[in-house]
Amino acid sequence: MQGVRLRITLPRSCVVGSDRTPRGVAGTAAPAPPLSIIVVDGNPVDIQLIRWVLDAQALPYELQVIDNGDHALDVVDHLA
């Protein structure tokens, strides 16, 4: 059985109690930019679980799913 490893790093502005929380008009918090998340996994059940967890957090996110390891390496090379 393979384990799923998920690492989500939130921008500092999304962390409760952050000393640098951006403020909008009249002291309301500005909307956080969507999190950009890349997942390399070929199992649709795992992807659904990840989406479920992210949706439960009520944070905006962009999820890119890559189900091919070679393609994932190409994406990482392109980002570097």
C-alpha atoms as a PDB file:
ATOM      1  CA  MET A   1       0.000   0.000   0.000  1.00  0.00           C
ATOM      2  CA  GLN A   2       1.382   3.381  -1.001  1.00  0.00           C
ATOM      3  CA  GLY A   3       1.174   6.322   1.332  1.00  0.00           C
ATOM      4  CA  VAL A   4       0.056   9.717   0.166  1.00  0.00           C
ATOM      5  CA  ARG A   5       2.274  12.608   1.096  1.00  0.00           C
ATOM      6  CA  LEU A   6       0.635  16.013   1.079  1.00  0.00           C
ATOM      7  CA  ARG A   7       2.436  19.171   2.022  1.00  0.00           C
ATOM      8  CA  ILE A   8       0.514  22.416   2.016  1.00  0.00           C
ATOM      9  CA  THR A   9       2.385  25.589   2.782  1.00  0.00           C
ATOM     10  CA  LEU A  10       0.080  28.481   3.503  1.00  0.00           C
ATOM     11  CA  PRO A  11       1.143  32.023   2.714  1.00  0.00           C
ATOM     12  CA  ARG A  12       1.804  34.000   5.867  1.00  0.00           C
ATOM     13  CA  SER A  13      -1.300  36.096   5.189  1.00  0.00           C
ATOM     14  CA  CYS A  14      -3.493  32.978   5.599  1.00  0.00           C
ATOM     15  CA  VAL A  15      -2.117  31.970   8.992  1.00  0.00           C
ATOM     16  CA  VAL A  16      -4.318  32.928  11.941  1.00  0.00           C
ATOM     17  CA  GLY A  17      -2.548  35.401  14.165  1.00  0.00           C
ATOM     18  CA  SER A  18      -0.086  36.472  11.497  1.00  0.00           C
ATOM     19  CA  ASP A  19       1.419  39.839  12.276  1.00  0.00           C
ATOM     20  CA  ARG A  20       1.347  40.825   8.603  1.00  0.00           C
ATOM     21  CA  THR A  21      -2.246  40.075   7.674  1.00  0.00           C
ATOM     22  CA  PRO A  22      -3.233  42.331   4.752  1.00  0.00           C
ATOM     23  CA  ARG A  23      -6.160  44.579   5.488  1.00  0.00           C
ATOM     24  CA  GLY A  24      -8.797  45.876   3.127  1.00  0.00           C
ATOM     25  CA  VAL A  25     -11.300  48.669   3.486  1.00  0.00           C
ATOM     26  CA  ALA A  26     -12.536  49.383   7.018  1.00  0.00           C
ATOM     27  CA  GLY A  27     -10.198  46.830   8.597  1.00  0.00           C
ATOM     28  CA  THR A  28     -11.609  43.748   6.832  1.00  0.00           C
ATOM     29  CA  ALA A  29      -9.117  41.155   5.689  1.00  0.00           C
ATOM     30  CA  ALA A  30      -8.247  41.232   2.007  1.00  0.00           C
ATOM     31  CA  PRO A  31      -9.079  38.031   0.128  1.00  0.00           C
ATOM     32  CA  ALA A  32      -6.177  35.612   0.082  1.00  0.00           C
ATOM     33  CA  PRO A  33      -4.711  34.717  -3.290  1.00  0.00           C
ATOM     34  CA  PRO A  34      -5.461  31.138  -4.316  1.00  0.00           C
ATOM     35  CA  LEU A  35      -2.954  28.522  -3.224  1.00  0.00           C
ATOM     36  CA  SER A  36      -1.147  26.893  -6.154  1.00  0.00           C
ATOM     37  CA  ILE A  37      -0.882  23.179  -5.437  1.00  0.00           C
ATOM     38  CA  ILE A  38       0.646  20.493  -7.653  1.00  0.00           C
ATOM     39  CA  VAL A  39      -0.235  16.883  -6.842  1.00  0.00           C
ATOM     40  CA  VAL A  40       1.488  13.924  -8.492  1.00  0.00           C
ATOM     41  CA  ASP A  41      -0.817  10.960  -8.030  1.00  0.00           C
ATOM     42  CA  GLY A  42      -2.580   8.583 -10.376  1.00  0.00           C
ATOM     43  CA  ASN A  43      -5.248   7.410  -7.953  1.00  0.00           C
ATOM     44  CA  PRO A  44      -8.559   9.302  -8.372  1.00  0.00           C
ATOM     45  CA  VAL A  45      -9.608   8.402  -4.808  1.00  0.00           C
ATOM     46  CA  ASP A  46      -6.519  10.135  -3.428  1.00  0.00           C
ATOM     47  CA  ILE A  47      -7.235  13.222  -5.530  1.00  0.00           C
ATOM     48  CA  GLN A  48     -10.832  13.329  -4.316  1.00  0.00           C
ATOM     49  CA  LEU A  49      -9.630  13.079  -0.699  1.00  0.00           C
ATOM     50  CA  ILE A  50      -7.178  15.937  -1.238  1.00  0.00           C
ATOM     51  CA  ARG A  51      -9.914  18.094  -2.790  1.00  0.00           C
ATOM     52  CA  TRP A  52     -12.255  17.257   0.104  1.00  0.00           C
ATOM     53  CA  VAL A  53      -9.656  18.339   2.680  1.00  0.00           C
ATOM     54  CA  LEU A  54      -8.866  21.548   0.792  1.00  0.00           C
ATOM     55  CA  ASP A  55     -12.555  22.408   0.379  1.00  0.00           C
ATOM     56  CA  ALA A  56     -13.104  21.868   4.109  1.00  0.00           C
ATOM     57  CA  GLN A  57     -10.507  24.560   4.823  1.00  0.00           C
ATOM     58  CA  ALA A  58     -12.525  27.111   2.788  1.00  0.00           C
ATOM     59  CA  LEU A  59      -9.392  28.584   1.236  1.00  0.00           C
ATOM     60  CA  PRO A  60      -9.160  29.378  -2.468  1.00  0.00           C
ATOM     61  CA  TYR A  61      -6.828  27.012  -4.306  1.00  0.00           C
ATOM     62  CA  GLU A  62      -5.719  25.952  -7.757  1.00  0.00           C
ATOM     63  CA  LEU A  63      -5.024  22.227  -7.924  1.00  0.00           C
ATOM     64  CA  GLN A  64      -2.954  20.823 -10.766  1.00  0.00           C
ATOM     65  CA  VAL A  65      -3.051  17.039 -10.880  1.00  0.00           C
ATOM     66  CA  ILE A  66      -0.300  15.160 -12.694  1.00  0.00           C
ATOM     67  CA  ASP A  67      -0.726  11.408 -12.982  1.00  0.00           C
ATOM     68  CA  ASN A  68       2.521  10.662 -14.816  1.00  0.00           C
ATOM     69  CA  GLY A  69       5.911  10.789 -13.081  1.00  0.00           C
ATOM     70  CA  ASP A  70       7.803  11.723 -16.244  1.00  0.00           C
ATOM     71  CA  HIS A  71       5.404  14.593 -16.900  1.00  0.00           C
ATOM     72  CA  ALA A  72       5.809  15.719 -13.282  1.00  0.00           C
ATOM     73  CA  LEU A  73       9.582  15.915 -13.751  1.00  0.00           C
ATOM     74  CA  ASP A  74       9.054  18.017 -16.884  1.00  0.00           C
ATOM     75  CA  VAL A  75       6.802  20.404 -14.926  1.00  0.00           C
ATOM     76  CA  VAL A  76       9.344  20.709 -12.112  1.00  0.00           C
ATOM     77  CA  ASP A  77      12.142  21.339 -14.615  1.00  0.00           C
ATOM     78  CA  HIS A  78      10.031  24.042 -16.235  1.00  0.00           C
ATOM     79  CA  LEU A  79       9.358  25.712 -12.866  1.00  0.00           C
ATOM     80  CA  ALA A  80      13.041  25.715 -11.860  1.00  0.00           C
END
